[in-house]
Amino acid sequence: MMDRFEAMRTLVAAVDGGSLSAASRSLNIPLPTVSRRVSDLESFLGSQLVVRTSRKLLLTEAGTAYVASARRVLEELSEAERAASGEYRAPRGELLVTAPIAFGALNVAPIVHDFLGAYPEVTVRLVLSDSNIDLVETHVDVAVRIGRLPDSSLVARKVGEIRWVVCASPDYLERRGEPKAPAALANHDCIAFEGLQRYREWPFVDGNAQQQVTINPRFSVNTADGVVGGAVAGVGIARVLSYQAAASVRAGSLVPLLVDRAPPPMPVHLVHAPHQQQPLKLRAFLDFVAPRLQQRLQEIARDVEGAGQGTSTTP
């Protein structure tokens, strides 16, 4: 007799992996068993769910609808199993967390290290990526997102803000003087954060109006570390995110400029899918990370904005 839950798991694994062979490997079961389970499911439903080609597996229209429903059923079953096993009484299990590469390495990973020390029965898989990963499709538990969020069913908790910072070394400012207004940057050596494609328009605000200033780079590099390093070395004026400049500003090797002409800050959120019954491991992670990340962002803002209070923007 066919086990429908096992057949569903097998079909979803085949779709996620792109082939029956991939499902065989991920589930560690023989390929003929995978093929039989999918065929038995199609016979039971009286409908073709997949089209097998030489390279990959394609879903039919009926298969697309069925797989979406199967995912929901399997997720609800998994939630029920975790509740029955006691996961909801003590934080336990694995969390998949994503964050932007540089921000995650500097600000999220250290907090995760502390979280693991506080919750020994929870494991965390931290994926650092600048791509906007689909949380539901990839089964991500929590994502750290920078910038405005699109409308969605996801649950978001704001933990702070970051902003773009224009800065230069004290040595450069002593040699070349301080730009008193954004337009003055045209007469300064600047450092562009760019790769093969050029990006030489820096945005500013003038009251309620937006202003774009075209810079003339003396140096261009495609990593934030490279931009900060060039600025600290006195090559020119750079524009980086506040958390990228914070350590150098704190050390006195970079000075923020034109602070009151900077564009509005970008929000930082912790984002996750809604749950009828939130797993305790997720609740513990959010309650642990949110206040600590908020504190880090507040400290970054104080360091960067406080250091720039003395800069003048009068022409």
Protein backbone atom coordinates (compact mmCIF):
# COMPACT_ATOMS: atom_id res chain seq x y z
CA MET A 1 0.00 0.00 0.00
CA MET A 2 1.35 3.42 -0.97
CA ASP A 3 2.54 5.74 1.84
CA ARG A 4 1.23 9.07 0.61
CA PHE A 5 3.44 11.16 2.90
CA GLU A 6 6.56 9.36 1.67
CA ALA A 7 5.38 9.74 -1.92
CA MET A 8 4.84 13.47 -1.35
CA ARG A 9 8.31 13.87 0.19
CA THR A 10 9.83 12.00 -2.75
CA LEU A 11 8.02 14.12 -5.34
CA VAL A 12 9.00 17.39 -3.61
CA ALA A 13 12.63 16.23 -3.34
CA ALA A 14 12.65 15.37 -7.05
CA VAL A 15 11.21 18.77 -7.98
CA ASP A 16 13.66 20.62 -5.71
CA GLY A 17 16.61 18.64 -7.05
CA GLY A 18 15.47 18.81 -10.66
CA SER A 19 15.52 15.06 -11.28
CA LEU A 20 14.62 11.65 -9.89
CA SER A 21 18.33 10.95 -9.47
CA ALA A 22 18.70 14.04 -7.28
CA ALA A 23 15.82 12.83 -5.09
CA SER A 24 17.49 9.43 -4.84
CA ARG A 25 20.69 11.03 -3.59
CA SER A 26 19.06 13.49 -1.17
CA LEU A 27 16.74 10.88 0.37
CA ASN A 28 19.35 8.10 0.19
CA ILE A 29 16.96 5.64 -1.43
CA PRO A 30 17.37 3.63 -4.68
CA LEU A 31 16.40 5.33 -7.93
CA PRO A 32 13.81 2.65 -8.82
CA THR A 33 12.09 3.36 -5.48
CA VAL A 34 11.92 7.07 -6.30
CA SER A 35 10.48 6.35 -9.74
CA ARG A 36 7.93 3.91 -8.34
CA ARG A 37 6.74 6.32 -5.64
CA VAL A 38 6.15 9.11 -8.17
CA SER A 39 4.39 6.73 -10.58
CA ASP A 40 2.21 5.30 -7.79
CA LEU A 41 1.24 8.83 -6.74
CA GLU A 42 0.27 9.71 -10.32
CA SER A 43 -1.78 6.49 -10.59
CA PHE A 44 -3.51 7.21 -7.28
CA LEU A 45 -4.39 10.74 -8.39
CA GLY A 46 -5.24 9.72 -11.94
CA SER A 47 -3.19 12.63 -13.28
CA GLN A 48 0.29 13.16 -14.70
CA LEU A 49 2.34 15.33 -12.34
CA VAL A 50 5.74 15.45 -14.01
CA VAL A 51 7.27 15.18 -17.45
CA ARG A 52 10.58 13.31 -17.43
CA THR A 53 13.13 14.62 -19.95
CA SER A 54 16.72 13.52 -20.49
CA ARG A 55 18.02 16.50 -18.48
CA LYS A 56 15.43 17.51 -15.92
CA LEU A 57 12.02 17.07 -14.44
CA LEU A 58 9.21 19.39 -15.52
CA LEU A 59 5.95 19.88 -13.65
CA THR A 60 2.63 19.72 -15.45
CA GLU A 61 -0.08 22.23 -14.56
CA ALA A 62 -1.66 19.66 -12.24
CA GLY A 63 1.76 18.86 -10.81
CA THR A 64 2.50 22.52 -10.02
CA ALA A 65 -0.70 22.87 -8.00
CA TYR A 66 -0.22 19.51 -6.27
CA VAL A 67 3.40 20.19 -5.25
CA ALA A 68 2.40 23.54 -3.72
CA SER A 69 -0.26 21.79 -1.64
CA ALA A 70 2.10 18.94 -0.77
CA ARG A 71 4.66 21.40 0.59
CA ARG A 72 2.06 22.92 2.92
CA VAL A 73 0.93 19.49 4.13
CA LEU A 74 4.51 18.35 4.78
CA GLU A 75 5.36 21.59 6.61
CA GLU A 76 2.30 21.23 8.86
CA LEU A 77 3.22 17.60 9.53
CA SER A 78 6.76 18.63 10.40
CA GLU A 79 5.46 21.30 12.79
CA ALA A 80 3.22 18.73 14.50
CA GLU A 81 6.11 16.27 14.84
CA ARG A 82 8.38 18.93 16.34
CA ALA A 83 5.71 19.92 18.83
CA ALA A 84 5.13 16.29 19.82
CA SER A 85 8.86 15.66 20.21
CA GLY A 86 9.20 18.52 22.68
CA GLU A 87 10.93 21.12 20.52
CA TYR A 88 8.36 23.67 21.64
CA ARG A 89 9.36 23.12 25.29
CA ALA A 90 13.08 23.83 24.78
CA PRO A 91 14.98 25.55 21.94
CA ARG A 92 16.29 22.70 19.83
CA GLY A 93 17.04 21.96 16.17
CA GLU A 94 18.60 23.74 13.19
CA LEU A 95 18.02 27.31 12.01
CA LEU A 96 18.83 28.50 8.50
CA VAL A 97 19.71 32.20 8.58
CA THR A 98 20.71 34.50 5.71
CA ALA A 99 22.30 37.95 5.72
CA PRO A 100 24.18 40.25 3.32
CA ILE A 101 27.83 39.22 3.02
CA ALA A 102 29.75 42.14 4.56
CA PHE A 103 27.05 43.15 7.04
CA GLY A 104 26.53 39.55 8.09
CA ALA A 105 30.23 38.88 8.63
CA LEU A 106 30.77 42.05 10.67
CA ASN A 107 27.55 42.29 12.65
CA VAL A 108 25.43 39.14 12.47
CA ALA A 109 27.99 36.34 12.82
CA PRO A 110 29.39 37.58 16.19
CA ILE A 111 25.85 37.66 17.63
CA VAL A 112 25.17 34.16 16.26
CA HIS A 113 28.34 32.94 18.01
CA ASP A 114 26.98 34.25 21.32
CA PHE A 115 23.55 32.72 20.61
CA LEU A 116 25.10 29.29 20.08
CA GLY A 117 26.83 29.60 23.43
CA ALA A 118 23.53 30.42 25.13
CA TYR A 119 21.52 27.66 23.38
CA PRO A 120 23.64 24.50 23.08
CA GLU A 121 20.86 22.40 21.52
CA VAL A 122 20.35 24.74 18.56
CA THR A 123 22.53 24.69 15.45
CA VAL A 124 22.67 27.57 12.97
CA ARG A 125 23.45 27.46 9.27
CA LEU A 126 24.39 31.05 8.35
CA VAL A 127 24.36 31.77 4.61
CA LEU A 128 25.94 35.09 3.63
CA SER A 129 24.67 36.29 0.28
CA ASP A 130 23.90 39.64 -1.34
CA SER A 131 21.12 37.98 -3.38
CA ASN A 132 17.53 38.43 -2.24
CA ILE A 133 16.86 34.80 -1.30
CA ASP A 134 13.24 33.59 -1.32
CA LEU A 135 12.56 32.56 2.28
CA VAL A 136 9.63 30.26 1.61
CA GLU A 137 11.07 28.51 -1.44
CA THR A 138 14.44 27.84 0.22
CA HIS A 139 13.02 27.16 3.72
CA VAL A 140 15.02 29.98 5.34
CA ASP A 141 14.03 30.56 8.96
CA VAL A 142 15.28 34.15 9.36
CA ALA A 143 16.75 36.71 6.95
CA VAL A 144 18.49 39.99 7.73
CA ARG A 145 17.36 42.49 5.10
CA ILE A 146 18.71 45.99 4.42
CA GLY A 147 16.44 48.47 2.62
CA ARG A 148 12.74 48.94 2.17
CA LEU A 149 10.76 45.71 2.14
CA PRO A 150 8.20 44.87 -0.53
CA ASP A 151 4.65 44.15 0.61
CA SER A 152 4.39 40.45 1.45
CA SER A 153 3.00 38.00 3.98
CA LEU A 154 6.39 37.81 5.71
CA VAL A 155 6.78 39.03 9.29
CA ALA A 156 9.36 41.81 9.74
CA ARG A 157 10.95 43.24 12.89
CA LYS A 158 12.88 46.48 12.45
CA VAL A 159 16.16 46.54 14.37
CA GLY A 160 17.72 49.78 13.15
CA GLU A 161 19.03 51.78 10.22
CA ILE A 162 22.20 52.26 8.21
CA ARG A 163 23.14 55.09 5.88
CA TRP A 164 25.67 56.02 3.23
CA VAL A 165 28.62 58.01 4.56
CA VAL A 166 30.99 60.27 2.64
CA CYS A 167 34.37 60.32 4.37
CA ALA A 168 38.09 60.97 3.99
CA SER A 169 41.27 60.65 6.02
CA PRO A 170 42.55 63.55 8.16
CA ASP A 171 45.69 63.55 6.01
CA TYR A 172 43.70 64.04 2.81
CA LEU A 173 41.61 66.81 4.34
CA GLU A 174 44.72 68.58 5.59
CA ARG A 175 46.24 68.47 2.10
CA ARG A 176 43.15 69.21 0.01
CA GLY A 177 40.71 70.88 2.37
CA GLU A 178 37.18 69.87 3.29
CA PRO A 179 34.35 70.04 0.73
CA LYS A 180 31.77 72.47 2.11
CA ALA A 181 28.96 71.35 -0.20
CA PRO A 182 28.29 68.29 -2.41
CA ALA A 183 29.07 70.25 -5.61
CA ALA A 184 32.62 70.83 -4.30
CA LEU A 185 33.34 67.08 -4.74
CA ALA A 186 33.91 67.77 -8.45
CA ASN A 187 37.20 69.42 -7.44
CA HIS A 188 38.34 66.54 -5.21
CA ASP A 189 39.93 63.16 -5.74
CA CYS A 190 37.24 60.56 -5.08
CA ILE A 191 37.13 56.78 -4.71
CA ALA A 192 34.44 54.97 -6.69
CA PHE A 193 32.82 51.76 -5.46
CA GLU A 194 32.43 50.09 -8.85
CA GLY A 195 33.42 47.05 -10.89
CA LEU A 196 33.24 46.61 -14.65
CA GLN A 197 30.27 48.98 -14.81
CA ARG A 198 30.77 52.58 -13.77
CA TYR A 199 28.92 54.09 -10.84
CA ARG A 200 29.86 57.73 -10.43
CA GLU A 201 26.68 59.48 -9.31
CA TRP A 202 26.50 60.20 -5.59
CA PRO A 203 23.08 61.22 -4.22
CA PHE A 204 22.57 63.96 -1.65
CA VAL A 205 19.60 65.94 -0.31
CA ASP A 206 19.09 69.69 -0.17
CA GLY A 207 16.08 70.26 2.04
CA ASN A 208 13.35 68.20 0.40
CA ALA A 209 15.10 68.14 -2.97
CA GLN A 210 17.39 65.39 -4.19
CA GLN A 211 20.73 66.17 -5.76
CA GLN A 212 23.03 63.96 -7.85
CA VAL A 213 26.73 64.81 -7.95
CA THR A 214 29.03 63.33 -10.58
CA ILE A 215 32.41 62.44 -9.12
CA ASN A 216 35.80 62.14 -10.83
CA PRO A 217 37.46 59.05 -9.33
CA ARG A 218 41.18 58.94 -8.78
CA PHE A 219 40.73 55.30 -7.74
CA SER A 220 37.99 52.70 -8.32
CA VAL A 221 37.61 49.31 -6.66
CA ASN A 222 34.82 46.74 -6.47
CA THR A 223 34.86 45.90 -2.73
CA ALA A 224 33.94 47.97 0.31
CA ASP A 225 37.18 46.98 2.03
CA GLY A 226 39.10 48.31 -0.96
CA VAL A 227 37.21 51.61 -0.86
CA VAL A 228 37.77 52.04 2.88
CA GLY A 229 41.43 51.08 2.53
CA GLY A 230 41.96 53.68 -0.19
CA ALA A 231 40.28 56.37 1.88
CA VAL A 232 42.33 55.53 4.99
CA ALA A 233 45.48 55.68 2.83
CA GLY A 234 44.59 59.25 1.83
CA VAL A 235 43.87 58.49 -1.83
CA GLY A 236 40.63 60.46 -1.83
CA ILE A 237 37.06 60.90 -0.59
CA ALA A 238 34.97 57.72 -0.36
CA ARG A 239 31.30 56.87 -0.03
CA VAL A 240 30.52 53.68 1.92
CA LEU A 241 27.85 52.35 4.24
CA SER A 242 28.00 53.44 7.88
CA TYR A 243 28.83 49.98 9.23
CA GLN A 244 31.70 49.68 6.71
CA ALA A 245 33.23 52.96 7.85
CA ALA A 246 32.48 52.71 11.59
CA ALA A 247 35.72 51.05 12.75
CA SER A 248 37.91 53.53 10.85
CA VAL A 249 35.85 56.49 12.07
CA ARG A 250 36.12 55.20 15.63
CA ALA A 251 39.89 54.89 15.21
CA GLY A 252 40.15 58.43 13.86
CA SER A 253 41.50 57.32 10.47
CA LEU A 254 38.37 58.52 8.62
CA VAL A 255 36.28 61.66 9.09
CA PRO A 256 32.61 61.78 7.96
CA LEU A 257 31.73 64.68 5.64
CA LEU A 258 28.52 66.39 4.53
CA VAL A 259 26.55 64.41 7.13
CA ASP A 260 23.45 66.62 7.05
CA ARG A 261 23.24 66.30 3.25
CA ALA A 262 23.15 62.47 3.28
CA PRO A 263 20.13 60.65 1.80
CA PRO A 264 17.59 59.11 4.22
CA PRO A 265 18.83 56.02 6.08
CA MET A 266 17.88 52.48 5.05
CA PRO A 267 16.01 50.26 7.52
CA VAL A 268 17.38 46.92 8.72
CA HIS A 269 14.85 44.15 9.46
CA LEU A 270 14.77 40.60 10.70
CA VAL A 271 12.32 38.82 8.40
CA HIS A 272 10.67 35.40 8.70
CA ALA A 273 7.64 33.50 7.47
CA PRO A 274 4.47 33.56 9.59
CA HIS A 275 3.81 30.53 11.81
CA GLN A 276 0.61 29.38 13.46
CA GLN A 277 2.80 28.11 16.29
CA GLN A 278 6.24 29.73 16.24
CA PRO A 279 9.01 27.19 16.95
CA LEU A 280 10.76 27.95 20.21
CA LYS A 281 14.17 27.90 18.49
CA LEU A 282 12.99 30.71 16.17
CA ARG A 283 11.47 32.72 19.00
CA ALA A 284 14.64 32.34 21.05
CA PHE A 285 16.79 33.42 18.11
CA LEU A 286 14.70 36.51 17.37
CA ASP A 287 14.55 37.55 21.03
CA PHE A 288 18.32 37.08 21.38
CA VAL A 289 19.47 38.67 18.12
CA ALA A 290 17.07 41.61 17.75
CA PRO A 291 18.15 43.70 20.78
CA ARG A 292 21.85 42.96 20.23
CA LEU A 293 21.72 43.88 16.55
CA GLN A 294 19.74 47.00 17.46
CA GLN A 295 22.43 47.99 19.94
CA ARG A 296 25.19 47.48 17.36
CA LEU A 297 23.38 49.66 14.83
CA GLN A 298 22.81 52.39 17.42
CA GLU A 299 26.52 52.37 18.28
CA ILE A 300 27.45 52.58 14.59
CA ALA A 301 25.09 55.55 14.14
CA ARG A 302 26.55 57.33 17.19
CA ASP A 303 30.13 56.73 16.04
CA VAL A 304 29.61 57.87 12.46
CA GLU A 305 27.06 60.65 12.89
CA GLY A 306 28.67 61.95 16.08
CA ALA A 307 32.07 62.19 14.37
CA GLY A 308 30.50 64.16 11.54
CA GLN A 309 28.68 66.76 13.65
CA GLY A 310 31.53 69.22 13.33
CA THR A 311 31.61 69.17 9.55
CA SER A 312 30.20 72.22 7.80
CA THR A 313 28.00 72.20 4.72
CA THR A 314 27.75 75.91 4.15
CA PRO A 315 29.04 76.96 0.69
